[in-house]
Amino acid sequence: WEMIRFSVNIMRGCFGGCTFCSITEHEGRIIQSRSEDSVIKEIEAIRDSVKGFTGVISDLGGPTANMYRIGCKSPEIEAACRKPSCVYPDVCPNLNTDHGPLIKMYRRARALKGVKKILISSGLRYDLAIKSPEYVKELVTHHVGGYLKIAPEHTEQGPLTKMMKPGIGSYDRFKQLFEKFSEEAGKKQYLIPYFIAAHPGTSDEDMMNLAIWLKRNGFKADQVQTFYPSPMATATAMYHTGKNPLRKVTRDSETVDIVRGDRRRRLHKAFLRYHDANNWPLLREALKDMGRADLIGNGKHHLIPTYQPVTDGSYQTARRKNSTPTGAVKTSTVTKGRILTQHTGLPPRDNGSRPVAAAPTKSMRGGASATPSGAGPKSAFGRKKPR
């Protein structure tokens, strides 16, 4: 609630078609935009009635920041089109890319009395934004709070084609516009790119090349995403079948490299966090196996150093770290007005659908203590996450 307390949703839907995301399946491919007057009235209502408002609207957006009133130029073509994305492999020539209505709304919202700043926090579709340099200038000059998060997701064509994301060249073109308009506005602002590890179709070499790109561009990722198959996403079908549903699937059709197993998933995440000393032993071993020991050294052009500082060397998956320890009893203080769930202390219901198995005795376990099975870190979606 605190995250969205002073934000306004201006549209629903997404025609991006990213395979790891299911927003298109949930909200539709055709954008449903609110009227400008409706959005302005909600901003005024926040200003006048929401306790704690300081004059800053945290977001004017939706699933994507810049698809407001954008759609197909022809209703007939839109009704007949079955393409999963309007922007992959390139922006469709039938797509109206006019950001004028969105720019007009931004300016009207900024002019409201009592509104000091309007930030854009929803994920920006940068390959669409570069079609309107006027929009990029408006965004960079007035609506960035120092950092803008966008999601190229990867640098290599292998995984990008499985994600249905544009090439890194689109990111480079947006970066040029971003830096140009930031300089013209006299502001020091920075792009924060998001990347995904272990996505279907990603090889170890792809992650190594991404790590090299990150180091060359001076990025040290802190929070990173590791792909996890989620319901209704096309990439989930890739994960479970090993096939590419973006093309005709037959017995002999293209197979997709699936990143399975804790060690390989850890390795892909380690490449994203190449600067973390806890990952260096794993990366050294992998680079030697890949025949890239030339990346191990103490120079600026090397990916990781030869020396190993004193670290705990520990690794714990996000799932195991956040889960309740074995044998622990969940307790929660009951407070008035608080709704308990099984995540906040409510015990599981016995609805009769499945009998609760008795705990195994020591003789049944053969004297060994049981531990919960581990899983790879779960990927968080919600641009938020820039897309």
Protein backbone atom coordinates (compact mmCIF):
# COMPACT_ATOMS: atom_id res chain seq x y z
CA TRP A 1 0.00 0.00 0.00
CA GLU A 2 2.78 2.42 0.87
CA MET A 3 4.35 1.82 -2.55
CA ILE A 4 1.19 2.79 -4.48
CA ARG A 5 -0.33 5.20 -1.98
CA PHE A 6 0.35 8.29 -4.10
CA SER A 7 0.33 6.63 -7.55
CA VAL A 8 -2.30 6.73 -10.28
CA ASN A 9 -3.07 3.94 -12.75
CA ILE A 10 -3.71 5.47 -16.19
CA MET A 11 -4.14 2.35 -18.35
CA ARG A 12 -4.42 -1.45 -18.47
CA GLY A 13 -3.06 -4.03 -20.88
CA CYS A 14 0.24 -4.55 -22.68
CA PHE A 15 1.14 -5.41 -26.27
CA GLY A 16 4.80 -6.14 -25.43
CA GLY A 17 4.36 -9.91 -25.36
CA CYS A 18 7.44 -10.68 -23.23
CA THR A 19 7.46 -14.46 -22.82
CA PHE A 20 8.37 -14.41 -19.10
CA CYS A 21 5.38 -12.18 -18.29
CA SER A 22 1.65 -12.97 -18.27
CA ILE A 23 0.23 -9.42 -18.11
CA THR A 24 -1.01 -9.70 -21.70
CA GLU A 25 -2.94 -12.84 -20.76
CA HIS A 26 -4.36 -11.17 -17.64
CA GLU A 27 -5.18 -7.71 -18.97
CA GLY A 28 -5.26 -8.08 -22.76
CA ARG A 29 -3.13 -6.94 -25.66
CA ILE A 30 -5.31 -3.93 -26.55
CA ILE A 31 -4.62 -0.95 -24.28
CA GLN A 32 -7.53 0.37 -22.23
CA SER A 33 -6.75 4.00 -21.34
CA ARG A 34 -8.51 6.22 -18.83
CA SER A 35 -9.67 9.67 -19.85
CA GLU A 36 -7.34 12.54 -19.07
CA ASP A 37 -10.02 14.23 -16.93
CA SER A 38 -10.45 11.06 -14.85
CA VAL A 39 -6.72 10.88 -14.13
CA ILE A 40 -6.54 14.58 -13.20
CA LYS A 41 -9.52 14.21 -10.84
CA GLU A 42 -7.82 11.31 -9.06
CA ILE A 43 -4.62 13.33 -8.62
CA GLU A 44 -6.69 16.15 -7.12
CA ALA A 45 -8.44 13.66 -4.82
CA ILE A 46 -5.05 12.37 -3.60
CA ARG A 47 -3.89 15.94 -3.03
CA ASP A 48 -7.02 16.89 -1.09
CA SER A 49 -7.84 13.75 0.88
CA VAL A 50 -4.94 11.31 1.26
CA LYS A 51 -3.18 11.75 4.56
CA GLY A 52 0.56 12.34 4.34
CA PHE A 53 0.62 13.71 0.78
CA THR A 54 3.63 16.00 0.38
CA GLY A 55 3.07 17.11 -3.20
CA VAL A 56 4.79 14.20 -4.96
CA ILE A 57 2.85 11.74 -7.13
CA SER A 58 4.96 8.57 -7.12
CA ASP A 59 3.74 7.25 -10.47
CA LEU A 60 1.47 7.88 -13.44
CA GLY A 61 1.56 4.55 -15.19
CA GLY A 62 0.35 0.99 -15.39
CA PRO A 63 1.80 -2.30 -16.66
CA THR A 64 3.97 -0.10 -18.90
CA ALA A 65 4.65 3.61 -18.46
CA ASN A 66 4.32 4.72 -22.06
CA MET A 67 1.54 2.79 -23.82
CA TYR A 68 -1.18 5.30 -22.93
CA ARG A 69 -3.59 5.70 -25.91
CA ILE A 70 -1.23 3.78 -28.18
CA GLY A 71 -2.71 1.13 -30.44
CA CYS A 72 -3.16 -0.12 -33.98
CA LYS A 73 -3.85 2.51 -36.65
CA SER A 74 -6.53 0.31 -38.21
CA PRO A 75 -9.37 -1.31 -36.22
CA GLU A 76 -9.77 -3.89 -39.02
CA ILE A 77 -6.12 -4.94 -38.82
CA GLU A 78 -6.26 -4.96 -35.01
CA ALA A 79 -9.29 -7.28 -35.04
CA ALA A 80 -7.61 -9.73 -37.41
CA CYS A 81 -4.03 -9.59 -36.05
CA ARG A 82 -2.80 -12.60 -34.11
CA LYS A 83 0.77 -11.48 -33.45
CA PRO A 84 1.71 -11.96 -29.79
CA SER A 85 3.65 -8.65 -29.77
CA CYS A 86 3.30 -5.29 -31.50
CA VAL A 87 6.94 -4.35 -30.81
CA TYR A 88 8.90 -7.54 -31.58
CA PRO A 89 11.09 -8.13 -33.51
CA ASP A 90 10.56 -4.45 -34.30
CA VAL A 91 7.82 -1.90 -33.74
CA CYS A 92 4.95 -2.77 -36.09
CA PRO A 93 4.44 -0.19 -38.89
CA ASN A 94 0.69 -0.33 -38.17
CA LEU A 95 1.21 0.77 -34.56
CA ASN A 96 0.46 4.37 -33.67
CA THR A 97 3.48 5.50 -31.64
CA ASP A 98 2.26 9.04 -30.91
CA HIS A 99 3.08 9.93 -27.29
CA GLY A 100 1.30 13.29 -27.60
CA PRO A 101 -1.70 12.45 -25.35
CA LEU A 102 0.66 11.24 -22.62
CA ILE A 103 2.86 14.34 -22.84
CA LYS A 104 -0.26 16.52 -22.64
CA MET A 105 -1.41 14.68 -19.49
CA TYR A 106 2.01 15.03 -17.86
CA ARG A 107 2.02 18.78 -18.44
CA ARG A 108 -1.52 19.23 -17.17
CA ALA A 109 -0.80 17.18 -14.05
CA ARG A 110 2.39 19.13 -13.32
CA ALA A 111 0.46 22.39 -13.49
CA LEU A 112 -1.98 21.40 -10.73
CA LYS A 113 -1.82 23.53 -7.62
CA GLY A 114 -0.25 21.67 -4.70
CA VAL A 115 1.55 19.15 -6.93
CA LYS A 116 5.32 19.65 -6.71
CA LYS A 117 6.58 16.65 -8.64
CA ILE A 118 5.23 13.80 -10.75
CA LEU A 119 7.49 10.78 -11.01
CA ILE A 120 7.21 7.91 -13.49
CA SER A 121 8.00 4.64 -11.74
CA SER A 122 6.29 2.10 -14.02
CA GLY A 123 8.47 0.15 -16.42
CA LEU A 124 9.37 2.09 -19.54
CA ARG A 125 9.21 0.42 -22.94
CA TYR A 126 12.32 2.15 -24.24
CA ASP A 127 12.14 0.72 -27.79
CA LEU A 128 8.77 2.47 -28.08
CA ALA A 129 9.99 5.65 -26.38
CA ILE A 130 12.79 6.24 -28.89
CA LYS A 131 10.11 6.62 -31.57
CA SER A 132 9.16 9.87 -29.81
CA PRO A 133 12.24 11.92 -28.79
CA GLU A 134 9.84 14.63 -27.56
CA TYR A 135 8.46 12.18 -25.01
CA VAL A 136 11.94 11.14 -23.86
CA LYS A 137 12.85 14.81 -23.39
CA GLU A 138 9.66 15.47 -21.39
CA LEU A 139 10.26 12.40 -19.23
CA VAL A 140 13.95 13.07 -18.58
CA THR A 141 13.51 16.79 -17.94
CA HIS A 142 10.58 16.64 -15.52
CA HIS A 143 9.72 13.11 -14.34
CA VAL A 144 12.90 11.25 -13.34
CA GLY A 145 13.96 11.34 -9.71
CA GLY A 146 17.66 10.79 -10.35
CA TYR A 147 17.38 7.16 -11.46
CA LEU A 148 15.30 5.56 -14.19
CA LYS A 149 14.84 1.79 -14.18
CA ILE A 150 14.50 0.03 -17.51
CA ALA A 151 14.71 -3.64 -18.43
CA PRO A 152 16.83 -4.74 -21.38
CA GLU A 153 16.86 -8.16 -19.61
CA HIS A 154 19.92 -9.39 -21.55
CA THR A 155 22.56 -8.44 -24.10
CA GLU A 156 22.77 -11.66 -26.15
CA GLN A 157 20.48 -12.56 -29.05
CA GLY A 158 19.99 -16.18 -27.91
CA PRO A 159 17.99 -15.41 -24.75
CA LEU A 160 16.54 -12.17 -26.17
CA THR A 161 14.81 -14.06 -28.99
CA LYS A 162 13.27 -16.43 -26.42
CA MET A 163 12.13 -13.47 -24.30
CA MET A 164 10.79 -11.53 -27.33
CA LYS A 165 12.79 -8.50 -26.25
CA PRO A 166 14.60 -5.98 -28.50
CA GLY A 167 18.34 -6.12 -29.06
CA ILE A 168 20.73 -4.17 -26.87
CA GLY A 169 21.03 -1.61 -29.68
CA SER A 170 17.63 -0.15 -28.69
CA TYR A 171 18.96 0.32 -25.16
CA ASP A 172 22.04 2.09 -26.51
CA ARG A 173 19.91 4.49 -28.58
CA PHE A 174 17.67 5.27 -25.60
CA LYS A 175 20.74 5.78 -23.40
CA GLN A 176 22.08 8.37 -25.86
CA LEU A 177 18.79 10.31 -25.75
CA PHE A 178 18.59 9.99 -21.95
CA GLU A 179 22.09 11.37 -21.43
CA LYS A 180 21.62 14.12 -24.02
CA PHE A 181 18.41 15.47 -22.47
CA SER A 182 19.72 15.06 -18.91
CA GLU A 183 22.71 17.21 -19.82
CA GLU A 184 20.47 19.80 -21.48
CA ALA A 185 18.36 19.94 -18.31
CA GLY A 186 21.49 20.34 -16.18
CA LYS A 187 20.76 17.17 -14.21
CA LYS A 188 22.90 14.21 -13.20
CA GLN A 189 20.64 11.24 -13.79
CA TYR A 190 21.35 7.56 -14.25
CA LEU A 191 19.84 4.54 -15.97
CA ILE A 192 19.46 1.38 -13.90
CA PRO A 193 19.14 -1.64 -16.24
CA TYR A 194 17.47 -4.85 -15.08
CA PHE A 195 18.57 -8.31 -16.23
CA ILE A 196 17.29 -11.87 -15.87
CA ALA A 197 19.46 -14.91 -15.17
CA ALA A 198 18.66 -18.54 -16.07
CA HIS A 199 15.91 -17.72 -18.61
CA PRO A 200 15.14 -20.54 -21.07
CA GLY A 201 17.48 -20.30 -24.04
CA THR A 202 20.35 -18.82 -22.00
CA SER A 203 23.70 -20.58 -22.25
CA ASP A 204 26.60 -20.25 -19.82
CA GLU A 205 28.46 -18.30 -22.53
CA ASP A 206 25.54 -15.87 -22.81
CA MET A 207 25.74 -15.11 -19.09
CA MET A 208 29.51 -14.74 -19.30
CA ASN A 209 29.16 -12.21 -22.13
CA LEU A 210 26.51 -10.33 -20.12
CA ALA A 211 28.89 -10.19 -17.14
CA ILE A 212 31.63 -8.80 -19.38
CA TRP A 213 29.20 -6.16 -20.70
CA LEU A 214 28.20 -5.22 -17.14
CA LYS A 215 31.81 -4.76 -16.06
CA ARG A 216 32.74 -2.83 -19.20
CA ASN A 217 29.84 -0.43 -18.56
CA GLY A 218 30.54 -0.08 -14.83
CA PHE A 219 27.41 -1.80 -13.51
CA LYS A 220 27.41 -3.78 -10.28
CA ALA A 221 24.00 -5.39 -9.94
CA ASP A 222 22.67 -5.65 -6.41
CA GLN A 223 19.18 -7.14 -6.69
CA VAL A 224 18.92 -9.55 -9.61
CA GLN A 225 16.18 -11.74 -11.02
CA THR A 226 16.52 -15.45 -11.60
CA PHE A 227 13.87 -16.87 -13.92
CA TYR A 228 11.16 -18.92 -12.27
CA PRO A 229 8.33 -20.46 -14.32
CA SER A 230 5.08 -18.63 -13.54
CA PRO A 231 1.55 -19.51 -14.65
CA MET A 232 0.35 -18.47 -18.13
CA ALA A 233 3.78 -17.29 -19.33
CA THR A 234 5.10 -18.58 -22.67
CA ALA A 235 8.56 -19.07 -21.16
CA THR A 236 7.00 -21.50 -18.69
CA ALA A 237 5.99 -23.71 -21.64
CA MET A 238 9.61 -23.56 -22.83
CA TYR A 239 10.83 -24.49 -19.35
CA HIS A 240 8.65 -27.58 -19.02
CA THR A 241 8.82 -28.86 -22.62
CA GLY A 242 12.29 -27.81 -23.77
CA LYS A 243 10.66 -26.63 -27.02
CA ASN A 244 10.18 -23.16 -28.52
CA PRO A 245 6.42 -22.44 -28.87
CA LEU A 246 7.18 -19.20 -30.73
CA ARG A 247 7.75 -21.45 -33.75
CA LYS A 248 5.95 -24.51 -35.04
CA VAL A 249 6.54 -27.33 -32.56
CA THR A 250 7.27 -30.79 -33.95
CA ARG A 251 9.22 -33.80 -32.79
CA ASP A 252 12.28 -32.47 -34.60
CA SER A 253 11.75 -28.74 -33.95
CA GLU A 254 14.15 -26.45 -32.11
CA THR A 255 15.06 -27.43 -28.57
CA VAL A 256 15.62 -24.77 -25.93
CA ASP A 257 18.48 -24.83 -23.45
CA ILE A 258 16.80 -25.01 -20.04
CA VAL A 259 18.77 -23.91 -16.99
CA ARG A 260 18.01 -26.52 -14.34
CA GLY A 261 19.68 -27.61 -11.15
CA ASP A 262 20.83 -25.53 -8.22
CA ARG A 263 24.47 -25.32 -9.32
CA ARG A 264 23.79 -24.03 -12.83
CA ARG A 265 21.15 -21.58 -11.64
CA ARG A 266 23.64 -20.33 -9.04
CA LEU A 267 26.26 -19.95 -11.76
CA HIS A 268 24.01 -17.80 -13.96
CA LYS A 269 23.12 -15.60 -11.02
CA ALA A 270 26.81 -15.42 -10.05
CA PHE A 271 27.68 -14.01 -13.49
CA LEU A 272 25.21 -11.17 -12.86
CA ARG A 273 26.89 -10.56 -9.49
CA TYR A 274 30.46 -11.03 -10.74
CA HIS A 275 31.65 -8.42 -8.21
CA ASP A 276 30.56 -10.47 -5.17
CA ALA A 277 33.60 -12.25 -3.73
CA ASN A 278 31.42 -15.12 -2.52
CA ASN A 279 30.79 -15.98 -6.19
CA TRP A 280 34.44 -15.94 -7.30
CA PRO A 281 35.31 -19.60 -6.54
CA LEU A 282 32.30 -20.81 -8.55
CA LEU A 283 33.08 -18.40 -11.42
CA ARG A 284 36.76 -19.37 -11.54
CA GLU A 285 35.87 -23.03 -11.84
CA ALA A 286 33.27 -22.31 -14.54
CA LEU A 287 35.53 -20.03 -16.58
CA LYS A 288 38.28 -22.66 -16.60
CA ASP A 289 35.79 -25.32 -17.74
CA MET A 290 34.61 -22.95 -20.51
CA GLY A 291 38.17 -22.35 -21.69
CA ARG A 292 38.06 -18.69 -20.63
CA ALA A 293 40.74 -18.66 -17.93
CA ASP A 294 41.97 -15.48 -19.66
CA LEU A 295 39.18 -13.63 -17.82
CA ILE A 296 40.73 -14.50 -14.46
CA GLY A 297 43.32 -11.97 -13.35
CA ASN A 298 43.93 -8.74 -11.52
CA GLY A 299 43.76 -6.31 -14.44
CA LYS A 300 40.90 -4.02 -15.41
CA HIS A 301 40.11 -6.17 -18.43
CA HIS A 302 39.68 -9.29 -16.29
CA LEU A 303 36.27 -10.34 -14.98
CA ILE A 304 37.35 -11.73 -11.59
CA PRO A 305 40.67 -11.61 -9.69
CA THR A 306 43.01 -14.47 -8.87
CA TYR A 307 43.05 -13.72 -5.14
CA GLN A 308 40.26 -14.65 -2.74
CA PRO A 309 39.46 -12.37 0.21
CA VAL A 310 38.21 -13.79 3.46
CA THR A 311 34.45 -14.29 3.12
CA ASP A 312 31.98 -16.67 4.68
CA GLY A 313 31.54 -18.20 1.21
CA SER A 314 27.99 -19.06 2.09
CA TYR A 315 25.04 -19.32 -0.24
CA GLN A 316 21.41 -19.70 0.66
CA THR A 317 18.54 -19.66 -1.79
CA ALA A 318 15.94 -16.95 -1.32
CA ARG A 319 13.28 -19.57 -0.73
CA ARG A 320 15.13 -21.33 2.08
CA LYS A 321 16.24 -18.04 3.63
CA ASN A 322 12.68 -16.71 3.77
CA SER A 323 10.98 -19.93 4.80
CA THR A 324 10.16 -21.10 8.30
CA PRO A 325 12.91 -23.35 9.74
CA THR A 326 12.07 -27.04 10.11
CA GLY A 327 10.34 -27.74 13.40
CA ALA A 328 9.64 -24.07 14.13
CA VAL A 329 6.18 -23.16 15.34
CA LYS A 330 4.53 -20.22 13.61
CA THR A 331 3.29 -17.63 16.03
CA SER A 332 1.67 -14.32 15.38
CA THR A 333 0.33 -11.64 17.68
CA VAL A 334 -3.37 -11.10 17.07
CA THR A 335 -4.18 -7.43 16.74
CA LYS A 336 -7.53 -5.82 16.11
CA GLY A 337 -8.21 -5.18 12.46
CA ARG A 338 -5.45 -7.49 11.20
CA ILE A 339 -6.40 -10.29 8.84
CA LEU A 340 -4.36 -13.44 9.39
CA THR A 341 -3.34 -15.70 6.52
CA GLN A 342 -1.22 -18.83 6.42
CA HIS A 343 1.73 -16.56 5.64
CA THR A 344 1.17 -14.45 8.79
CA GLY A 345 0.42 -17.08 11.39
CA LEU A 346 -2.89 -18.77 10.53
CA PRO A 347 -2.49 -22.59 10.72
CA PRO A 348 -3.35 -24.66 7.62
CA ARG A 349 -7.00 -25.70 7.34
CA ASP A 350 -7.93 -29.36 7.42
CA ASN A 351 -10.73 -29.35 4.85
CA GLY A 352 -10.81 -33.11 4.46
CA SER A 353 -9.42 -33.04 0.93
CA ARG A 354 -6.22 -34.83 1.90
CA PRO A 355 -5.37 -36.55 5.18
CA VAL A 356 -2.45 -35.15 7.10
CA ALA A 357 0.39 -37.70 7.06
CA ALA A 358 1.92 -38.69 10.36
CA ALA A 359 5.46 -37.51 11.00
CA PRO A 360 8.00 -40.27 10.22
CA THR A 361 9.68 -41.90 13.18
CA LYS A 362 13.42 -42.08 13.62
CA SER A 363 13.46 -45.71 12.49
CA MET A 364 11.57 -44.77 9.30
CA ARG A 365 14.09 -42.03 8.54
CA GLY A 366 17.06 -44.31 9.04
CA GLY A 367 18.49 -41.98 11.67
CA ALA A 368 18.97 -39.02 9.26
CA SER A 369 17.31 -35.68 9.83
CA ALA A 370 15.05 -34.46 7.02
CA THR A 371 15.65 -31.11 5.34
CA PRO A 372 13.31 -29.27 2.99
CA SER A 373 14.14 -29.57 -0.69
CA GLY A 374 15.76 -26.44 -2.09
CA ALA A 375 14.70 -24.47 -5.13
CA GLY A 376 16.22 -21.69 -7.17
CA PRO A 377 15.50 -18.08 -6.27
CA LYS A 378 12.11 -16.92 -7.38
CA SER A 379 11.86 -14.13 -10.02
CA ALA A 380 9.78 -11.10 -9.00
CA PHE A 381 7.70 -9.41 -11.58
CA GLY A 382 5.92 -5.86 -11.54
CA ARG A 383 7.37 -3.04 -13.03
CA LYS A 384 7.57 -2.32 -11.46
CA LYS A 385 9.75 -4.15 -12.80
CA PRO A 386 11.08 -1.78 -15.89
CA ARG A 387 10.28 -3.67 -18.34
